[in-house]
Amino acid sequence: MGTRIVNTHDAKTHLSELIREAEDGGEVIVARNGRPVAKIIPWPPARPARRRGAWAGRVDIALDDLMAPDADIAALFGDATR
């Protein structure tokens, strides 16, 4: 399905048809005096609910590496962090 441009009068007259077109995956641009003012697009599908703990046991973070001071960064600050 492509994009279709209609004027406001046609949009009012054929709204049900334009909605069906959007449901089928098309886009409809509504124009007033040749200038686009609105777009009719399909409603996005609902996202599945997020499940807490879905990544449990899949990710391993070495906290000692994460929290340890970095010698290169310390050198940039003139060893003021030691």
C-alpha atoms as a PDB file:
ATOM      1  CA  MET A   1       0.000   0.000   0.000  1.00  0.00           C
ATOM      2  CA  GLY A   2       1.245   3.433  -0.831  1.00  0.00           C
ATOM      3  CA  THR A   3       0.461   6.890   0.404  1.00  0.00           C
ATOM      4  CA  ARG A   4      -2.730   8.557  -0.767  1.00  0.00           C
ATOM      5  CA  ILE A   5      -3.438  12.306  -0.575  1.00  0.00           C
ATOM      6  CA  VAL A   6      -7.044  13.489  -0.248  1.00  0.00           C
ATOM      7  CA  ASN A   7      -8.598  16.881   0.408  1.00  0.00           C
ATOM      8  CA  THR A   8     -10.687  17.518   3.519  1.00  0.00           C
ATOM      9  CA  HIS A   9     -14.012  17.260   1.689  1.00  0.00           C
ATOM     10  CA  ASP A  10     -13.122  13.821   0.273  1.00  0.00           C
ATOM     11  CA  ALA A  11     -11.834  12.752   3.687  1.00  0.00           C
ATOM     12  CA  LYS A  12     -15.160  13.646   5.313  1.00  0.00           C
ATOM     13  CA  THR A  13     -17.124  11.949   2.551  1.00  0.00           C
ATOM     14  CA  HIS A  14     -15.058   8.737   2.439  1.00  0.00           C
ATOM     15  CA  LEU A  15     -13.768   8.456   6.009  1.00  0.00           C
ATOM     16  CA  SER A  16     -14.797   4.806   6.460  1.00  0.00           C
ATOM     17  CA  GLU A  17     -12.996   3.839   3.267  1.00  0.00           C
ATOM     18  CA  LEU A  18      -9.860   5.745   4.304  1.00  0.00           C
ATOM     19  CA  ILE A  19      -9.868   4.065   7.721  1.00  0.00           C
ATOM     20  CA  ARG A  20     -10.127   0.644   6.039  1.00  0.00           C
ATOM     21  CA  GLU A  21      -7.193   1.607   3.838  1.00  0.00           C
ATOM     22  CA  ALA A  22      -5.145   2.495   6.924  1.00  0.00           C
ATOM     23  CA  GLU A  23      -6.106  -0.810   8.568  1.00  0.00           C
ATOM     24  CA  ASP A  24      -4.710  -2.586   5.515  1.00  0.00           C
ATOM     25  CA  GLY A  25      -1.355  -0.854   6.042  1.00  0.00           C
ATOM     26  CA  GLY A  26      -1.720   2.252   3.899  1.00  0.00           C
ATOM     27  CA  GLU A  27      -1.215   5.901   4.780  1.00  0.00           C
ATOM     28  CA  VAL A  28      -3.635   8.677   3.928  1.00  0.00           C
ATOM     29  CA  ILE A  29      -2.576  12.321   3.962  1.00  0.00           C
ATOM     30  CA  VAL A  30      -5.400  14.829   4.415  1.00  0.00           C
ATOM     31  CA  ALA A  31      -4.691  18.180   2.781  1.00  0.00           C
ATOM     32  CA  ARG A  32      -6.412  21.562   3.061  1.00  0.00           C
ATOM     33  CA  ASN A  33      -5.878  23.876   0.087  1.00  0.00           C
ATOM     34  CA  GLY A  34      -3.150  21.520  -1.170  1.00  0.00           C
ATOM     35  CA  ARG A  35      -1.199  21.704   2.116  1.00  0.00           C
ATOM     36  CA  PRO A  36      -0.896  18.503   4.198  1.00  0.00           C
ATOM     37  CA  VAL A  37      -2.517  18.908   7.626  1.00  0.00           C
ATOM     38  CA  ALA A  38      -3.113  15.373   8.956  1.00  0.00           C
ATOM     39  CA  LYS A  39      -2.155  11.760   8.393  1.00  0.00           C
ATOM     40  CA  ILE A  40      -4.290   8.657   8.865  1.00  0.00           C
ATOM     41  CA  ILE A  41      -2.049   5.687   9.656  1.00  0.00           C
ATOM     42  CA  PRO A  42      -2.648   2.226  11.111  1.00  0.00           C
ATOM     43  CA  TRP A  43      -2.703   1.988  14.904  1.00  0.00           C
ATOM     44  CA  PRO A  44       0.480   0.246  16.115  1.00  0.00           C
ATOM     45  CA  PRO A  45       0.054  -3.234  17.606  1.00  0.00           C
ATOM     46  CA  ALA A  46       0.135  -3.500  21.388  1.00  0.00           C
ATOM     47  CA  ARG A  47       3.552  -4.238  22.807  1.00  0.00           C
ATOM     48  CA  PRO A  48       3.794  -7.305  24.978  1.00  0.00           C
ATOM     49  CA  ALA A  49       3.931  -6.586  28.704  1.00  0.00           C
ATOM     50  CA  ARG A  50       7.417  -6.387  30.132  1.00  0.00           C
ATOM     51  CA  ARG A  51       8.275  -9.217  32.474  1.00  0.00           C
ATOM     52  CA  ARG A  52      10.414  -8.427  35.486  1.00  0.00           C
ATOM     53  CA  GLY A  53      13.537 -10.547  35.738  1.00  0.00           C
ATOM     54  CA  ALA A  54      13.515 -11.624  32.101  1.00  0.00           C
ATOM     55  CA  TRP A  55      17.305 -11.209  31.910  1.00  0.00           C
ATOM     56  CA  ALA A  56      17.993 -12.899  35.255  1.00  0.00           C
ATOM     57  CA  GLY A  57      20.845 -15.381  34.909  1.00  0.00           C
ATOM     58  CA  ARG A  58      21.703 -14.225  31.380  1.00  0.00           C
ATOM     59  CA  VAL A  59      23.918 -11.263  32.241  1.00  0.00           C
ATOM     60  CA  ASP A  60      27.024 -11.372  34.396  1.00  0.00           C
ATOM     61  CA  ILE A  61      28.445  -8.061  35.624  1.00  0.00           C
ATOM     62  CA  ALA A  62      31.851  -8.096  37.275  1.00  0.00           C
ATOM     63  CA  LEU A  63      31.275  -5.372  39.877  1.00  0.00           C
ATOM     64  CA  ASP A  64      34.914  -5.304  40.979  1.00  0.00           C
ATOM     65  CA  ASP A  65      35.924  -4.280  37.436  1.00  0.00           C
ATOM     66  CA  LEU A  66      33.055  -1.830  37.174  1.00  0.00           C
ATOM     67  CA  MET A  67      33.797  -0.054  40.451  1.00  0.00           C
ATOM     68  CA  ALA A  68      37.627  -0.226  40.366  1.00  0.00           C
ATOM     69  CA  PRO A  69      39.581   2.974  39.675  1.00  0.00           C
ATOM     70  CA  ASP A  70      40.969   3.314  36.163  1.00  0.00           C
ATOM     71  CA  ALA A  71      44.656   4.283  35.956  1.00  0.00           C
ATOM     72  CA  ASP A  72      44.199   6.180  32.663  1.00  0.00           C
ATOM     73  CA  ILE A  73      41.370   8.286  34.085  1.00  0.00           C
ATOM     74  CA  ALA A  74      43.318   8.941  37.286  1.00  0.00           C
ATOM     75  CA  ALA A  75      46.278  10.141  35.200  1.00  0.00           C
ATOM     76  CA  LEU A  76      44.025  12.655  33.424  1.00  0.00           C
ATOM     77  CA  PHE A  77      43.162  14.189  36.793  1.00  0.00           C
ATOM     78  CA  GLY A  78      46.769  14.286  37.919  1.00  0.00           C
ATOM     79  CA  ASP A  79      46.328  11.341  40.305  1.00  0.00           C
ATOM     80  CA  ALA A  80      43.995  13.485  42.444  1.00  0.00           C
ATOM     81  CA  THR A  81      41.609  10.527  42.817  1.00  0.00           C
ATOM     82  CA  ARG A  82      44.061   8.378  44.758  1.00  0.00           C
END
